[in-house]
Protein backbone atom coordinates (compact mmCIF):
# COMPACT_ATOMS: atom_id res chain seq x y z
CA MET A 1 -106.75 -148.15 -19.68
CA LYS A 2 -108.47 -145.90 -17.10
CA LYS A 3 -106.05 -143.04 -17.79
CA PHE A 4 -106.74 -143.23 -21.51
CA VAL A 5 -110.51 -143.22 -20.97
CA ILE A 6 -110.31 -140.24 -18.59
CA LEU A 7 -108.18 -138.32 -21.09
CA VAL A 8 -110.62 -139.02 -23.93
CA VAL A 9 -113.56 -137.94 -21.75
CA ALA A 10 -111.73 -134.77 -20.68
CA VAL A 11 -110.91 -133.86 -24.31
CA ALA A 12 -114.51 -134.56 -25.33
CA LEU A 13 -115.85 -132.36 -22.52
CA ILE A 14 -113.48 -129.52 -23.38
CA GLY A 15 -114.60 -129.72 -27.02
CA THR A 16 -118.28 -129.51 -26.05
CA MET A 17 -117.70 -126.60 -23.67
CA GLY A 18 -116.37 -124.40 -26.47
CA ILE A 19 -112.87 -124.07 -25.06
CA ALA A 20 -110.32 -123.53 -27.81
CA LEU A 21 -107.21 -125.66 -27.64
CA PRO A 22 -103.98 -124.28 -29.10
CA THR A 23 -103.31 -125.45 -32.64
CA GLU A 24 -99.69 -124.24 -32.82
CA SER A 25 -96.80 -125.07 -30.57
CA VAL A 26 -95.72 -122.18 -28.40
CA GLU A 27 -91.98 -121.55 -28.45
CA PRO A 28 -90.50 -120.50 -25.11
CA THR A 29 -89.17 -116.96 -25.00
CA LEU A 30 -85.53 -116.34 -24.12
CA GLU A 31 -86.66 -114.88 -20.78
CA SER A 32 -88.42 -118.11 -19.83
CA VAL A 33 -85.44 -120.36 -20.68
CA LYS A 34 -83.12 -120.83 -17.73
CA ALA A 35 -79.70 -122.44 -17.68
CA THR A 36 -78.17 -124.06 -14.62
CA VAL A 37 -74.94 -122.42 -13.53
CA ALA A 38 -73.14 -124.62 -11.01
CA GLY A 39 -69.66 -124.82 -9.58
CA ALA A 40 -67.59 -124.33 -6.49
CA VAL A 41 -65.36 -121.78 -4.80
CA TYR A 42 -62.11 -123.20 -3.40
CA SER A 43 -59.10 -121.95 -1.48
CA ARG A 44 -56.11 -121.77 -3.82
CA GLU A 45 -53.78 -122.84 -1.01
CA THR A 46 -55.73 -125.68 0.61
CA GLU A 47 -58.07 -126.79 -2.24
CA THR A 48 -60.95 -126.85 0.27
CA GLY A 49 -64.39 -125.40 -0.39
CA LEU A 50 -65.10 -121.91 0.92
CA PRO A 51 -68.19 -120.15 2.20
CA ALA A 52 -68.47 -117.41 -0.42
CA THR A 53 -70.86 -114.93 -2.01
CA ILE A 54 -71.25 -114.87 -5.78
CA ARG A 55 -72.84 -111.73 -7.26
CA PHE A 56 -74.24 -111.59 -10.79
CA ALA A 57 -74.66 -108.12 -12.31
CA ASN A 58 -77.88 -107.54 -14.29
CA ALA A 59 -79.45 -110.87 -13.26
CA SER A 60 -82.84 -111.61 -11.77
CA ILE A 61 -81.00 -113.43 -8.97
CA THR A 62 -78.25 -111.02 -8.02
CA GLU A 63 -76.53 -113.03 -5.30
CA VAL A 64 -76.02 -116.66 -4.31
CA LYS A 65 -74.13 -118.17 -1.36
CA THR A 66 -72.01 -121.29 -1.58
CA ASP A 67 -72.50 -124.21 0.77
CA PRO A 68 -70.18 -123.27 3.66
CA GLY A 69 -68.80 -126.80 4.02
CA THR A 70 -68.21 -127.69 0.38
CA GLY A 71 -68.04 -124.38 -1.51
CA LEU A 72 -70.63 -125.69 -4.00
CA TYR A 73 -73.37 -123.53 -5.50
CA LYS A 74 -76.10 -123.77 -8.11
CA VAL A 75 -78.33 -121.08 -9.63
CA LYS A 76 -80.65 -120.79 -12.64
CA LEU A 77 -80.06 -117.79 -14.93
CA SER A 78 -81.39 -116.65 -18.27
CA PRO A 79 -78.92 -116.99 -21.15
CA GLY A 80 -76.71 -113.94 -21.56
CA SER A 81 -73.51 -112.23 -20.40
CA TYR A 82 -72.93 -111.51 -16.74
CA GLU A 83 -70.25 -109.78 -14.74
CA VAL A 84 -69.54 -111.98 -11.74
CA GLU A 85 -67.88 -111.06 -8.44
CA ILE A 86 -66.83 -113.76 -6.00
CA SER A 87 -65.88 -112.91 -2.44
CA SER A 88 -65.09 -114.77 0.78
CA LYS A 89 -63.92 -113.47 4.15
CA ASN A 90 -60.10 -113.25 4.39
CA TYR A 91 -59.70 -113.95 0.64
CA GLN A 92 -59.03 -111.63 -2.27
CA PRO A 93 -62.22 -111.05 -4.30
CA GLN A 94 -62.25 -112.10 -7.92
CA SER A 95 -64.23 -110.71 -10.87
CA ALA A 96 -64.90 -112.28 -14.25
CA SER A 97 -67.25 -112.26 -17.23
CA LEU A 98 -69.48 -115.29 -17.64
CA GLU A 99 -71.39 -116.37 -20.75
CA VAL A 100 -74.51 -118.36 -19.97
CA ALA A 101 -75.98 -120.46 -22.78
CA GLU A 102 -79.20 -122.50 -22.81
CA SER A 103 -77.55 -125.48 -21.15
CA LYS A 104 -75.61 -126.21 -18.00
CA VAL A 105 -72.63 -123.97 -17.28
CA LEU A 106 -69.92 -125.06 -14.85
CA TYR A 107 -67.90 -122.32 -13.20
CA PHE A 108 -65.19 -123.10 -10.65
CA VAL A 109 -63.14 -120.45 -8.85
CA ARG A 110 -60.00 -120.61 -6.70
CA LEU A 111 -59.48 -117.62 -4.41
CA GLN A 112 -56.14 -116.42 -3.06
CA HIS A 113 -55.89 -115.95 0.72
CA ASN A 114 -55.13 -112.38 1.89
């Protein structure tokens, strides 16, 4: 009951102070919408997670590191197309194109040992 009373008082005060409240809903722009891209980088031979670097071309976050013990990573990116390069010491690098939508994207990679 106290929360409701405080809210009503706050709205009443805002109305008397001449502050305009928005009358339309504001749609988020594509730039403000972020999707979660998550996955792991594994060794093709041993199926164990690798410490790796994942680079995203043309992204606000250009590089992310995997957890060195598990190979897991997670990053938030705006929807769009990205060129991705995955590299790990003593493993052959791998490149791919990745489409990011407005929802969660899972991206798993297995690298070949040199």
